Each structure stands twice: as C-alpha cells, then as structure tokens.
C-alpha atoms as a PDB file:
ATOM      1  CA  MET A   1     -17.634  16.559  13.798  1.00  0.00           C
ATOM      2  CA  LEU A   2     -15.450  17.175  10.752  1.00  0.00           C
ATOM      3  CA  LYS A   3     -12.508  17.997  12.993  1.00  0.00           C
ATOM      4  CA  GLU A   4     -12.954  14.735  14.915  1.00  0.00           C
ATOM      5  CA  PHE A   5     -13.105  12.791  11.656  1.00  0.00           C
ATOM      6  CA  LYS A   6      -9.914  14.451  10.429  1.00  0.00           C
ATOM      7  CA  SER A   7      -8.063  13.585  13.639  1.00  0.00           C
ATOM      8  CA  PHE A   8      -9.376   9.996  13.409  1.00  0.00           C
ATOM      9  CA  VAL A   9      -8.200   9.574   9.820  1.00  0.00           C
ATOM     10  CA  MET A  10      -4.804  11.160  10.443  1.00  0.00           C
ATOM     11  CA  ARG A  11      -3.957   8.723  13.237  1.00  0.00           C
ATOM     12  CA  GLY A  12      -1.200   6.311  12.283  1.00  0.00           C
ATOM     13  CA  ASN A  13      -3.226   3.147  12.812  1.00  0.00           C
ATOM     14  CA  VAL A  14      -5.945   4.105  10.352  1.00  0.00           C
ATOM     15  CA  VAL A  15      -3.461   5.137   7.684  1.00  0.00           C
ATOM     16  CA  ASP A  16      -1.454   1.924   8.153  1.00  0.00           C
ATOM     17  CA  LEU A  17      -4.598  -0.170   7.851  1.00  0.00           C
ATOM     18  CA  ALA A  18      -5.700   1.645   4.690  1.00  0.00           C
ATOM     19  CA  VAL A  19      -2.278   1.214   3.094  1.00  0.00           C
ATOM     20  CA  GLY A  20      -2.275  -2.481   4.002  1.00  0.00           C
ATOM     21  CA  VAL A  21      -5.710  -3.059   2.461  1.00  0.00           C
ATOM     22  CA  ILE A  22      -4.783  -1.265  -0.766  1.00  0.00           C
ATOM     23  CA  ILE A  23      -1.422  -3.061  -1.086  1.00  0.00           C
ATOM     24  CA  GLY A  24      -3.120  -6.386  -0.308  1.00  0.00           C
ATOM     25  CA  GLY A  25      -5.679  -5.853  -3.059  1.00  0.00           C
ATOM     26  CA  ALA A  26      -3.011  -4.924  -5.588  1.00  0.00           C
ATOM     27  CA  PHE A  27      -0.885  -7.924  -4.613  1.00  0.00           C
ATOM     28  CA  GLY A  28      -3.964 -10.169  -4.895  1.00  0.00           C
ATOM     29  CA  ALA A  29      -4.307  -9.022  -8.506  1.00  0.00           C
ATOM     30  CA  ILE A  30      -0.714 -10.136  -9.152  1.00  0.00           C
ATOM     31  CA  VAL A  31      -1.370 -13.578  -7.662  1.00  0.00           C
ATOM     32  CA  ASN A  32      -4.625 -13.982  -9.617  1.00  0.00           C
ATOM     33  CA  SER A  33      -2.911 -13.008 -12.857  1.00  0.00           C
ATOM     34  CA  LEU A  34      -0.017 -15.378 -12.182  1.00  0.00           C
ATOM     35  CA  VAL A  35      -2.376 -18.291 -11.681  1.00  0.00           C
ATOM     36  CA  ALA A  36      -4.876 -17.476 -14.455  1.00  0.00           C
ATOM     37  CA  ASP A  37      -2.532 -16.148 -17.130  1.00  0.00           C
ATOM     38  CA  VAL A  38       0.750 -17.986 -16.565  1.00  0.00           C
ATOM     39  CA  ILE A  39       0.374 -21.208 -14.555  1.00  0.00           C
ATOM     40  CA  THR A  40      -3.018 -22.439 -15.822  1.00  0.00           C
ATOM     41  CA  PRO A  41      -2.063 -22.299 -19.535  1.00  0.00           C
ATOM     42  CA  ILE A  42       1.136 -24.212 -18.778  1.00  0.00           C
ATOM     43  CA  ILE A  43      -0.859 -26.951 -17.068  1.00  0.00           C
ATOM     44  CA  LEU A  44      -3.817 -27.058 -19.494  1.00  0.00           C
ATOM     45  CA  GLN A  45      -1.944 -26.975 -22.810  1.00  0.00           C
ATOM     46  CA  PRO A  46      -0.256 -30.418 -22.495  1.00  0.00           C
ATOM     47  CA  ALA A  47      -3.349 -31.955 -20.877  1.00  0.00           C
ATOM     48  CA  LEU A  48      -5.613 -30.835 -23.725  1.00  0.00           C
ATOM     49  CA  GLU A  49      -3.144 -31.907 -26.376  1.00  0.00           C
ATOM     50  CA  ALA A  50      -3.048 -35.366 -24.826  1.00  0.00           C
ATOM     51  CA  ALA A  51      -6.864 -35.549 -24.610  1.00  0.00           C
ATOM     52  CA  GLY A  52      -7.450 -35.082 -28.318  1.00  0.00           C
ATOM     53  CA  ALA A  53      -8.384 -32.556 -30.977  1.00  0.00           C
ATOM     54  CA  ALA A  54     -12.034 -32.195 -29.866  1.00  0.00           C
ATOM     55  CA  ASP A  55     -11.068 -30.771 -26.504  1.00  0.00           C
ATOM     56  CA  ILE A  56      -8.420 -28.501 -27.958  1.00  0.00           C
ATOM     57  CA  ALA A  57     -11.032 -26.833 -30.174  1.00  0.00           C
ATOM     58  CA  SER A  58     -13.010 -25.733 -27.126  1.00  0.00           C
ATOM     59  CA  TRP A  59      -9.958 -24.238 -25.398  1.00  0.00           C
ATOM     60  CA  LYS A  60      -8.922 -20.651 -26.092  1.00  0.00           C
ATOM     61  CA  PRO A  61      -5.651 -20.500 -28.011  1.00  0.00           C
ATOM     62  CA  GLY A  62      -2.872 -18.166 -27.054  1.00  0.00           C
ATOM     63  CA  GLY A  63      -0.951 -19.915 -24.309  1.00  0.00           C
ATOM     64  CA  MET A  64       0.538 -17.853 -21.533  1.00  0.00           C
ATOM     65  CA  LEU A  65      -0.578 -14.259 -21.269  1.00  0.00           C
ATOM     66  CA  LEU A  66       2.625 -12.736 -19.942  1.00  0.00           C
ATOM     67  CA  GLY A  67       1.499  -9.264 -20.964  1.00  0.00           C
ATOM     68  CA  LYS A  68      -1.443  -9.367 -18.563  1.00  0.00           C
ATOM     69  CA  PHE A  69       0.823 -10.589 -15.765  1.00  0.00           C
ATOM     70  CA  ILE A  70       3.416  -7.885 -16.426  1.00  0.00           C
ATOM     71  CA  SER A  71       0.615  -5.305 -16.535  1.00  0.00           C
ATOM     72  CA  SER A  72      -0.587  -6.354 -13.078  1.00  0.00           C
ATOM     73  CA  VAL A  73       2.973  -6.137 -11.714  1.00  0.00           C
ATOM     74  CA  ILE A  74       3.392  -2.633 -13.153  1.00  0.00           C
ATOM     75  CA  SER A  75       0.033  -1.593 -11.681  1.00  0.00           C
ATOM     76  CA  PHE A  76       1.177  -2.868  -8.273  1.00  0.00           C
ATOM     77  CA  LEU A  77       4.404  -0.868  -8.509  1.00  0.00           C
ATOM     78  CA  VAL A  78       2.558   2.315  -9.491  1.00  0.00           C
ATOM     79  CA  ILE A  79       0.028   1.904  -6.675  1.00  0.00           C
ATOM     80  CA  SER A  80       2.823   1.250  -4.184  1.00  0.00           C
ATOM     81  CA  PHE A  81       4.764   4.316  -5.298  1.00  0.00           C
ATOM     82  CA  VAL A  82       1.709   6.591  -5.083  1.00  0.00           C
ATOM     83  CA  LEU A  83       0.923   5.301  -1.582  1.00  0.00           C
ATOM     84  CA  PHE A  84       4.552   5.937  -0.612  1.00  0.00           C
ATOM     85  CA  LEU A  85       4.225   9.545  -1.771  1.00  0.00           C
ATOM     86  CA  VAL A  86       0.922  10.002   0.080  1.00  0.00           C
ATOM     87  CA  VAL A  87       2.316   8.627   3.356  1.00  0.00           C
ATOM     88  CA  LYS A  88       5.504  10.665   2.949  1.00  0.00           C
ATOM     89  CA  GLY A  89       3.408  13.816   2.437  1.00  0.00           C
ATOM     90  CA  MET A  90       1.261  13.050   5.473  1.00  0.00           C
ATOM     91  CA  ASN A  91       4.357  12.505   7.600  1.00  0.00           C
ATOM     92  CA  ALA A  92       5.834  15.792   6.411  1.00  0.00           C
ATOM     93  CA  ALA A  93       2.580  17.616   7.162  1.00  0.00           C
ATOM     94  CA  THR A  94       2.377  16.269  10.705  1.00  0.00           C
ATOM     95  CA  LYS A  95       6.067  17.012  11.256  1.00  0.00           C
ATOM     96  CA  LYS A  96       5.586  20.631  10.188  1.00  0.00           C
ATOM     97  CA  LYS A  97       2.611  20.906  12.524  1.00  0.00           C
ATOM     98  CA  GLU A  98       4.746  19.645  15.424  1.00  0.00           C
ATOM     99  CA  GLU A  99       7.640  21.963  14.553  1.00  0.00           C
ATOM    100  CA  SER A 100       5.398  25.011  14.248  1.00  0.00           C
ATOM    101  CA  ALA A 101       4.324  24.784  17.898  1.00  0.00           C
ATOM    102  CA  PRO A 102       5.319  28.048  19.581  1.00  0.00           C
ATOM    103  CA  ALA A 103       8.197  28.019  22.036  1.00  0.00           C
ATOM    104  CA  PRO A 104       7.234  28.583  25.653  1.00  0.00           C
ATOM    105  CA  PRO A 105       7.783  32.083  27.039  1.00  0.00           C
ATOM    106  CA  ALA A 106      11.112  32.866  28.690  1.00  0.00           C
ATOM    107  CA  ASP A 107       9.615  33.128  32.163  1.00  0.00           C
ATOM    108  CA  VAL A 108       8.128  29.632  31.880  1.00  0.00           C
ATOM    109  CA  VAL A 109      11.502  28.243  30.800  1.00  0.00           C
ATOM    110  CA  LEU A 110      13.207  30.035  33.726  1.00  0.00           C
ATOM    111  CA  LEU A 111      10.631  28.719  36.210  1.00  0.00           C
ATOM    112  CA  THR A 112      11.063  25.205  34.836  1.00  0.00           C
ATOM    113  CA  GLU A 113      14.837  25.430  35.291  1.00  0.00           C
ATOM    114  CA  ILE A 114      14.396  26.709  38.867  1.00  0.00           C
ATOM    115  CA  ARG A 115      11.988  23.844  39.621  1.00  0.00           C
ATOM    116  CA  ASP A 116      14.468  21.308  38.252  1.00  0.00           C
ATOM    117  CA  LEU A 117      17.307  22.790  40.322  1.00  0.00           C
ATOM    118  CA  LEU A 118      15.186  22.711  43.491  1.00  0.00           C
ATOM    119  CA  LYS A 119      14.402  19.030  42.880  1.00  0.00           C
ATOM    120  CA  LYS A 120      18.102  18.255  42.903  1.00  0.00           C
END
C-alpha cells in the first residue's frame, strides 16, 4: 500500500496540483495584504479626515503598512523558490531512475534488429 501511495504522489498531476495550491495560497496572502495594508488606508484616511475628529479617534493610526505588504511578497518569493527546488529535485530523481534502467542483453538487441530488417 505504501508503494502504491508513493507512485500516486510522484505522478506529475498530483505534484502540479500541490504546487498550484501552495502558490495560490501564498499569492492570496499578497492580495490580502495589498488590500488591507496598502489600499484600505489610502481610501479610509481622507474619508475619516473629512468626517470629523470623532471618527478619526476610533481609527487606528499608522497609515499604509508597507512593511507587512513587503513581508508577504518576500514570503511568496521564498515559498516559490523552495517549491522550485523540490520539483527540480523530484525531476532529477525520476530522471536518474529512468537512466539507471539496465540495457537489454546483446542477443535481444540483435533479434530486434533482425526483426526490423525482416519487416522491411
């Protein structure tokens, strides 16, 4: 059962889907940070200033939080790079497995050549 699970996980479709889900989640964090930390303060600051001092007191000061946005971008880049290394390692491992397949015996190669010549 463990061998079947390993072959299921190592298939290209499963790996591609997993990478897509992880990248999508990391990119979603960038979009959320852009909206919450950069765009919303730009929109709310002038609106609250126009509304009056009472509303401004209830709003958190600080304006745009560019540091949080930059942090989410850096996290996305790190996650992407690590996934790149994982996929590159998996591809190298499967390539080595394919290359390490033993060559057919000489008599099988000779019989194959004879068969091909007879077909012609």
